[in-house]
Amino acid sequence: QVQLVESGGGLVQTGDSLRLSCVVFGRTISNYAMGWFRQAPGKEREFVAAISWTGRSLVYADSVKGRFTISRDTAKNTVYLQMNSLKPEDTAVYYCATGYRYIPDYHTKENYDYWGQGTQVTVSS
């Protein structure tokens, strides 16, 4: 059984930083693509960042490019999302997801088959 457990969310102020973690059980992340998505109240779940199964390709949404960094520690089977220069519009529940080894489009949530429960990030102005 595959299980993803996110942590690291919280309430911060504009300009602050947070690092989200996602521990994966039941699947070796070095064999699968991993992604982060977020969902704000009343909005669709949207893509934030992804890392390929090789770890060599990093993909970001335009809205977070230059501020967020996705990384992984294969020894800990954990994926991270370092978020810097946070803005109020980054407020959302952040979800970690694991996809197939070969994903044609990292932005499409239907390409991911297991999801975590989410962690809340709130950025105050």
Protein backbone atom coordinates (compact mmCIF):
# COMPACT_ATOMS: atom_id res chain seq x y z
CA GLN A 1 0.00 0.00 0.00
CA VAL A 2 1.33 3.40 -1.02
CA GLN A 3 1.03 6.21 1.50
CA LEU A 4 2.27 9.80 1.36
CA VAL A 5 2.56 11.92 4.50
CA GLU A 6 3.11 15.67 4.20
CA SER A 7 4.31 17.99 6.94
CA GLY A 8 5.78 21.44 7.38
CA GLY A 9 2.84 23.69 6.70
CA GLY A 10 1.91 26.59 8.93
CA LEU A 11 1.04 30.26 9.28
CA VAL A 12 3.72 32.68 8.12
CA GLN A 13 4.01 36.29 7.01
CA THR A 14 4.66 37.66 3.56
CA GLY A 15 8.29 37.16 2.60
CA ASP A 16 8.87 34.25 4.97
CA SER A 17 9.99 30.75 4.04
CA LEU A 18 8.69 27.26 4.70
CA ARG A 19 9.89 23.79 3.77
CA LEU A 20 7.32 21.10 3.16
CA SER A 21 8.23 17.43 3.44
CA CYS A 22 6.56 14.38 1.96
CA VAL A 23 7.55 10.95 3.21
CA VAL A 24 6.54 8.13 0.88
CA PHE A 25 5.76 4.62 2.06
CA GLY A 26 5.29 1.63 -0.22
CA ARG A 27 6.97 3.15 -3.28
CA THR A 28 10.60 3.98 -3.97
CA ILE A 29 10.69 7.58 -5.13
CA SER A 30 13.81 7.04 -7.24
CA ASN A 31 11.62 4.97 -9.57
CA TYR A 32 8.71 7.42 -9.91
CA ALA A 33 8.01 11.03 -10.69
CA MET A 34 6.90 13.15 -7.74
CA GLY A 35 4.87 16.33 -7.70
CA TRP A 36 3.48 19.05 -5.49
CA PHE A 37 0.06 20.58 -6.09
CA ARG A 38 -1.97 23.11 -4.15
CA GLN A 39 -5.62 23.99 -3.75
CA ALA A 40 -6.96 27.28 -2.46
CA PRO A 41 -10.55 27.61 -1.21
CA GLY A 42 -13.00 27.66 -4.10
CA LYS A 43 -10.32 26.94 -6.68
CA GLU A 44 -9.15 23.94 -8.67
CA ARG A 45 -6.14 21.96 -7.54
CA GLU A 46 -3.17 23.36 -9.43
CA PHE A 47 0.31 22.17 -10.26
CA VAL A 48 3.23 23.66 -8.31
CA ALA A 49 6.35 21.60 -9.00
CA ALA A 50 7.56 18.17 -10.06
CA ILE A 51 10.73 16.12 -10.14
CA SER A 52 11.33 13.33 -12.62
CA TRP A 53 12.11 9.78 -11.57
CA THR A 54 15.77 10.35 -12.44
CA GLY A 55 15.84 13.52 -10.38
CA ARG A 56 17.39 15.37 -13.28
CA SER A 57 14.30 17.20 -14.49
CA LEU A 58 12.64 19.83 -12.31
CA VAL A 59 9.43 21.49 -13.49
CA TYR A 60 7.73 24.51 -11.93
CA ALA A 61 4.57 26.49 -12.36
CA ASP A 62 5.27 30.00 -13.61
CA SER A 63 3.76 31.45 -10.45
CA VAL A 64 6.42 29.87 -8.21
CA LYS A 65 9.44 29.77 -10.51
CA GLY A 66 12.44 31.37 -8.82
CA ARG A 67 10.85 31.17 -5.36
CA PHE A 68 10.13 27.47 -4.82
CA THR A 69 12.53 24.53 -5.13
CA ILE A 70 11.62 20.87 -5.28
CA SER A 71 14.17 18.29 -4.18
CA ARG A 72 14.36 14.78 -2.87
CA ASP A 73 16.37 12.58 -0.54
CA THR A 74 16.22 9.06 -1.89
CA ALA A 75 17.84 7.62 1.25
CA LYS A 76 14.91 8.98 3.26
CA ASN A 77 12.37 8.37 0.47
CA THR A 78 11.28 11.95 1.01
CA VAL A 79 10.45 14.83 -1.30
CA TYR A 80 10.74 18.46 -0.24
CA LEU A 81 9.33 21.77 -1.36
CA GLN A 82 11.36 24.76 -0.23
CA MET A 83 9.19 27.86 -0.45
CA ASN A 84 10.83 31.28 -0.22
CA SER A 85 9.47 34.80 -0.55
CA LEU A 86 5.99 33.60 0.24
CA LYS A 87 3.02 35.69 -0.83
CA PRO A 88 -0.61 35.74 0.36
CA GLU A 89 -1.62 34.16 -2.97
CA ASP A 90 0.45 31.09 -2.03
CA THR A 91 -2.10 30.33 0.69
CA ALA A 92 -3.53 26.87 0.02
CA VAL A 93 -3.52 23.25 1.04
CA TYR A 94 -0.41 21.68 -0.46
CA TYR A 95 -0.52 18.09 -1.66
CA CYS A 96 2.28 15.72 -2.49
CA ALA A 97 1.65 13.17 -5.25
CA THR A 98 3.46 10.29 -6.87
CA GLY A 99 3.07 9.56 -10.52
CA TYR A 100 4.21 6.99 -13.03
CA ARG A 101 7.82 6.73 -14.09
CA TYR A 102 7.15 8.40 -17.44
CA ILE A 103 4.75 11.34 -17.27
CA PRO A 104 3.82 13.11 -20.51
CA ASP A 105 2.73 16.23 -18.68
CA TYR A 106 3.77 16.94 -15.10
CA HIS A 107 1.14 19.67 -14.81
CA THR A 108 -1.80 17.28 -15.17
CA LYS A 109 -3.03 15.85 -11.88
CA GLU A 110 -4.56 12.83 -13.63
CA ASN A 111 -1.01 11.62 -14.29
CA TYR A 112 -0.47 11.05 -10.57
CA ASP A 113 -1.93 7.98 -8.89
CA TYR A 114 -1.34 8.45 -5.16
CA TRP A 115 -1.82 11.56 -3.05
CA GLY A 116 -1.11 12.72 0.46
CA GLN A 117 -3.66 14.20 2.82
CA GLY A 118 -2.36 17.75 2.39
CA THR A 119 -0.79 20.36 4.63
CA GLN A 120 -2.12 23.88 5.09
CA VAL A 121 0.04 26.87 4.23
CA THR A 122 -1.28 30.28 5.18
CA VAL A 123 0.57 33.47 4.30
CA SER A 124 -0.63 36.63 5.99
CA SER A 125 -0.13 40.07 4.48
